[in-house]
Amino acid sequence: MSTESIWMSVPKGDLDRMQNQETTRSRFKQKAPLSDHLSMVLIFDAWKEQMRQVSFKGTLGWCTQNCLQHRALIMARDIYQQLK
């Protein structure tokens, strides 16, 4: 089973967004330094928490701010619900 990347593609010339994406990656990586899988689980959990706090539509802004693909997280949620 595969899905698209949760990370937004950032144009090479956009240094601000590249730096923002790297900061976000390192922030989640610090919590699970030895596992990309656990980092993604932490991102998914943080996204679900945002959904509880604001709203489903409010998570779109959170994803954009953290350089994450909203659509990929929705797909991950759908797969999670199927496996439950």
N, C-alpha and C. Protein backbone atom coordinates (compact mmCIF):
# COMPACT_ATOMS: atom_id res chain seq x y z
N MET A 1 0.85 -1.16 0.00
CA MET A 1 0.00 0.00 0.00
C MET A 1 0.91 1.23 0.00
N SER A 2 0.56 2.19 -0.81
CA SER A 2 1.36 3.41 -0.84
C SER A 2 0.45 4.62 -1.00
N THR A 3 0.96 5.74 -0.56
CA THR A 3 0.24 7.00 -0.68
C THR A 3 1.24 8.06 -1.11
N GLU A 4 0.72 9.24 -1.38
CA GLU A 4 1.61 10.33 -1.74
C GLU A 4 2.37 10.82 -0.49
N SER A 5 3.42 11.54 -0.71
CA SER A 5 4.21 12.08 0.40
C SER A 5 3.37 13.08 1.20
N ILE A 6 3.60 13.11 2.50
CA ILE A 6 2.88 14.08 3.32
C ILE A 6 3.50 15.47 3.22
N TRP A 7 4.71 15.55 2.67
CA TRP A 7 5.40 16.84 2.56
C TRP A 7 5.05 17.53 1.26
N MET A 8 4.78 18.84 1.34
CA MET A 8 4.54 19.63 0.14
C MET A 8 5.83 19.70 -0.67
N SER A 9 5.69 19.73 -1.98
CA SER A 9 6.87 19.97 -2.80
C SER A 9 7.12 21.47 -2.81
N VAL A 10 8.35 21.84 -2.54
CA VAL A 10 8.72 23.24 -2.44
C VAL A 10 9.67 23.56 -3.59
N PRO A 11 9.39 24.60 -4.36
CA PRO A 11 10.30 24.98 -5.44
C PRO A 11 11.70 25.29 -4.90
N LYS A 12 12.72 24.89 -5.64
CA LYS A 12 14.10 25.07 -5.17
C LYS A 12 14.47 26.52 -4.90
N GLY A 13 13.87 27.45 -5.59
CA GLY A 13 14.21 28.85 -5.41
C GLY A 13 13.54 29.50 -4.20
N ASP A 14 12.56 28.83 -3.61
CA ASP A 14 11.81 29.39 -2.49
C ASP A 14 12.50 29.03 -1.17
N LEU A 15 13.51 29.79 -0.82
CA LEU A 15 14.34 29.48 0.35
C LEU A 15 13.56 29.57 1.66
N ASP A 16 12.62 30.50 1.75
CA ASP A 16 11.84 30.64 2.98
C ASP A 16 11.01 29.39 3.24
N ARG A 17 10.32 28.92 2.22
CA ARG A 17 9.50 27.71 2.39
C ARG A 17 10.35 26.48 2.61
N MET A 18 11.52 26.42 1.97
CA MET A 18 12.42 25.29 2.18
C MET A 18 12.89 25.26 3.63
N GLN A 19 13.24 26.43 4.15
CA GLN A 19 13.68 26.53 5.54
C GLN A 19 12.54 26.16 6.49
N ASN A 20 11.34 26.63 6.19
CA ASN A 20 10.18 26.31 7.01
C ASN A 20 9.92 24.80 7.03
N GLN A 21 10.02 24.17 5.87
CA GLN A 21 9.81 22.74 5.79
C GLN A 21 10.88 21.99 6.59
N GLU A 22 12.11 22.41 6.47
CA GLU A 22 13.19 21.76 7.21
C GLU A 22 13.01 21.93 8.72
N THR A 23 12.56 23.10 9.15
CA THR A 23 12.29 23.34 10.57
C THR A 23 11.19 22.41 11.07
N THR A 24 10.13 22.27 10.28
CA THR A 24 9.03 21.38 10.66
C THR A 24 9.51 19.94 10.73
N ARG A 25 10.26 19.50 9.74
CA ARG A 25 10.77 18.12 9.75
C ARG A 25 11.63 17.87 10.98
N SER A 26 12.51 18.81 11.28
CA SER A 26 13.40 18.60 12.42
C SER A 26 12.63 18.63 13.74
N ARG A 27 11.57 19.45 13.82
CA ARG A 27 10.76 19.52 15.04
C ARG A 27 10.11 18.16 15.33
N PHE A 28 9.55 17.53 14.31
CA PHE A 28 8.94 16.22 14.52
C PHE A 28 10.00 15.13 14.66
N LYS A 29 11.13 15.31 13.98
CA LYS A 29 12.22 14.33 14.04
C LYS A 29 12.84 14.28 15.44
N GLN A 30 12.87 15.42 16.14
CA GLN A 30 13.44 15.45 17.48
C GLN A 30 12.65 14.56 18.43
N LYS A 31 11.37 14.43 18.21
CA LYS A 31 10.53 13.61 19.08
C LYS A 31 10.69 12.12 18.80
N ALA A 32 11.13 11.77 17.60
CA ALA A 32 11.34 10.37 17.22
C ALA A 32 12.58 10.30 16.32
N PRO A 33 13.78 10.52 16.89
CA PRO A 33 14.98 10.69 16.07
C PRO A 33 15.41 9.47 15.24
N LEU A 34 14.98 8.29 15.63
CA LEU A 34 15.47 7.11 14.92
C LEU A 34 14.46 6.49 13.96
N SER A 35 13.31 7.13 13.79
CA SER A 35 12.28 6.49 12.99
C SER A 35 11.46 7.49 12.18
N ASP A 36 11.54 7.36 10.87
CA ASP A 36 10.69 8.17 10.00
C ASP A 36 9.22 7.81 10.19
N HIS A 37 8.97 6.52 10.42
CA HIS A 37 7.59 6.07 10.61
C HIS A 37 6.98 6.72 11.85
N LEU A 38 7.70 6.74 12.95
CA LEU A 38 7.18 7.36 14.16
C LEU A 38 7.00 8.87 13.98
N SER A 39 7.89 9.49 13.21
CA SER A 39 7.72 10.92 12.93
C SER A 39 6.41 11.16 12.21
N MET A 40 6.08 10.30 11.25
CA MET A 40 4.84 10.45 10.51
C MET A 40 3.63 10.19 11.40
N VAL A 41 3.75 9.24 12.32
CA VAL A 41 2.66 8.99 13.27
C VAL A 41 2.46 10.23 14.14
N LEU A 42 3.55 10.86 14.58
CA LEU A 42 3.44 12.08 15.39
C LEU A 42 2.78 13.21 14.60
N ILE A 43 3.12 13.33 13.33
CA ILE A 43 2.50 14.34 12.47
C ILE A 43 1.01 14.06 12.33
N PHE A 44 0.66 12.81 12.10
CA PHE A 44 -0.75 12.42 11.97
C PHE A 44 -1.51 12.73 13.25
N ASP A 45 -0.91 12.40 14.40
CA ASP A 45 -1.56 12.68 15.69
C ASP A 45 -1.72 14.18 15.92
N ALA A 46 -0.71 14.96 15.55
CA ALA A 46 -0.79 16.42 15.70
C ALA A 46 -1.89 16.97 14.80
N TRP A 47 -2.01 16.43 13.60
CA TRP A 47 -3.06 16.86 12.67
C TRP A 47 -4.45 16.53 13.23
N LYS A 48 -4.60 15.32 13.79
CA LYS A 48 -5.88 14.95 14.39
C LYS A 48 -6.22 15.86 15.57
N GLU A 49 -5.22 16.22 16.35
CA GLU A 49 -5.43 17.13 17.48
C GLU A 49 -5.88 18.50 16.98
N GLN A 50 -5.28 18.97 15.90
CA GLN A 50 -5.71 20.24 15.30
C GLN A 50 -7.17 20.16 14.87
N MET A 51 -7.55 19.02 14.32
CA MET A 51 -8.93 18.84 13.88
C MET A 51 -9.89 18.93 15.07
N ARG A 52 -9.49 18.38 16.19
CA ARG A 52 -10.34 18.45 17.39
C ARG A 52 -10.42 19.88 17.92
N GLN A 53 -9.31 20.63 17.84
CA GLN A 53 -9.27 21.96 18.42
C GLN A 53 -9.94 23.02 17.56
N VAL A 54 -9.70 22.98 16.27
CA VAL A 54 -10.26 24.04 15.41
C VAL A 54 -11.42 23.52 14.58
N SER A 55 -11.13 22.87 13.51
CA SER A 55 -12.14 22.26 12.65
C SER A 55 -11.40 21.55 11.54
N PHE A 56 -12.16 20.80 10.75
CA PHE A 56 -11.53 20.11 9.62
C PHE A 56 -10.93 21.12 8.65
N LYS A 57 -11.69 22.17 8.33
CA LYS A 57 -11.18 23.19 7.40
C LYS A 57 -10.01 23.96 8.00
N GLY A 58 -10.01 24.12 9.32
CA GLY A 58 -8.92 24.82 9.99
C GLY A 58 -7.60 24.10 9.87
N THR A 59 -7.65 22.78 9.65
CA THR A 59 -6.40 22.03 9.53
C THR A 59 -5.68 22.34 8.22
N LEU A 60 -6.41 22.85 7.24
CA LEU A 60 -5.77 23.21 5.97
C LEU A 60 -4.70 24.28 6.19
N GLY A 61 -5.02 25.29 6.97
CA GLY A 61 -4.04 26.33 7.29
C GLY A 61 -2.87 25.79 8.08
N TRP A 62 -3.14 24.87 9.02
CA TRP A 62 -2.07 24.26 9.81
C TRP A 62 -1.14 23.46 8.90
N CYS A 63 -1.72 22.73 7.96
CA CYS A 63 -0.91 21.95 7.03
C CYS A 63 -0.03 22.86 6.17
N THR A 64 -0.62 23.92 5.65
CA THR A 64 0.13 24.86 4.82
C THR A 64 1.27 25.49 5.62
N GLN A 65 0.98 25.87 6.84
CA GLN A 65 1.99 26.48 7.70
C GLN A 65 3.15 25.51 7.98
N ASN A 66 2.85 24.22 8.05
CA ASN A 66 3.87 23.22 8.36
C ASN A 66 4.37 22.47 7.12
N CYS A 67 4.03 22.99 5.93
CA CYS A 67 4.46 22.41 4.65
C CYS A 67 4.04 20.95 4.50
N LEU A 68 2.81 20.66 4.92
CA LEU A 68 2.28 19.30 4.82
C LEU A 68 1.14 19.24 3.81
N GLN A 69 1.00 18.09 3.17
CA GLN A 69 -0.07 17.88 2.19
C GLN A 69 -1.36 17.50 2.93
N HIS A 70 -2.33 18.36 2.92
CA HIS A 70 -3.60 18.09 3.58
C HIS A 70 -4.26 16.85 3.00
N ARG A 71 -4.22 16.73 1.69
CA ARG A 71 -4.84 15.60 1.00
C ARG A 71 -4.22 14.27 1.42
N ALA A 72 -2.90 14.24 1.64
CA ALA A 72 -2.22 13.00 2.04
C ALA A 72 -2.62 12.61 3.46
N LEU A 73 -2.81 13.61 4.33
CA LEU A 73 -3.24 13.30 5.69
C LEU A 73 -4.68 12.81 5.72
N ILE A 74 -5.52 13.33 4.85
CA ILE A 74 -6.89 12.83 4.73
C ILE A 74 -6.87 11.37 4.27
N MET A 75 -6.02 11.07 3.30
CA MET A 75 -5.90 9.70 2.81
C MET A 75 -5.41 8.78 3.93
N ALA A 76 -4.45 9.24 4.72
CA ALA A 76 -3.94 8.45 5.84
C ALA A 76 -5.06 8.19 6.85
N ARG A 77 -5.89 9.22 7.11
CA ARG A 77 -7.02 9.06 8.02
C ARG A 77 -8.00 8.02 7.50
N ASP A 78 -8.28 8.07 6.20
CA ASP A 78 -9.21 7.12 5.60
C ASP A 78 -8.68 5.68 5.70
N ILE A 79 -7.39 5.51 5.45
CA ILE A 79 -6.78 4.18 5.56
C ILE A 79 -6.81 3.71 7.01
N TYR A 80 -6.50 4.62 7.93
CA TYR A 80 -6.54 4.30 9.37
C TYR A 80 -7.94 3.82 9.77
N GLN A 81 -8.96 4.51 9.30
CA GLN A 81 -10.34 4.14 9.65
C GLN A 81 -10.72 2.78 9.05
N GLN A 82 -10.21 2.47 7.88
CA GLN A 82 -10.49 1.17 7.27
C GLN A 82 -9.83 0.02 8.06
N LEU A 83 -8.64 0.31 8.61
CA LEU A 83 -7.91 -0.72 9.32
C LEU A 83 -8.38 -0.91 10.76
N LYS A 84 -9.11 0.06 11.27
CA LYS A 84 -9.59 0.01 12.65
C LYS A 84 -10.53 -1.12 12.94
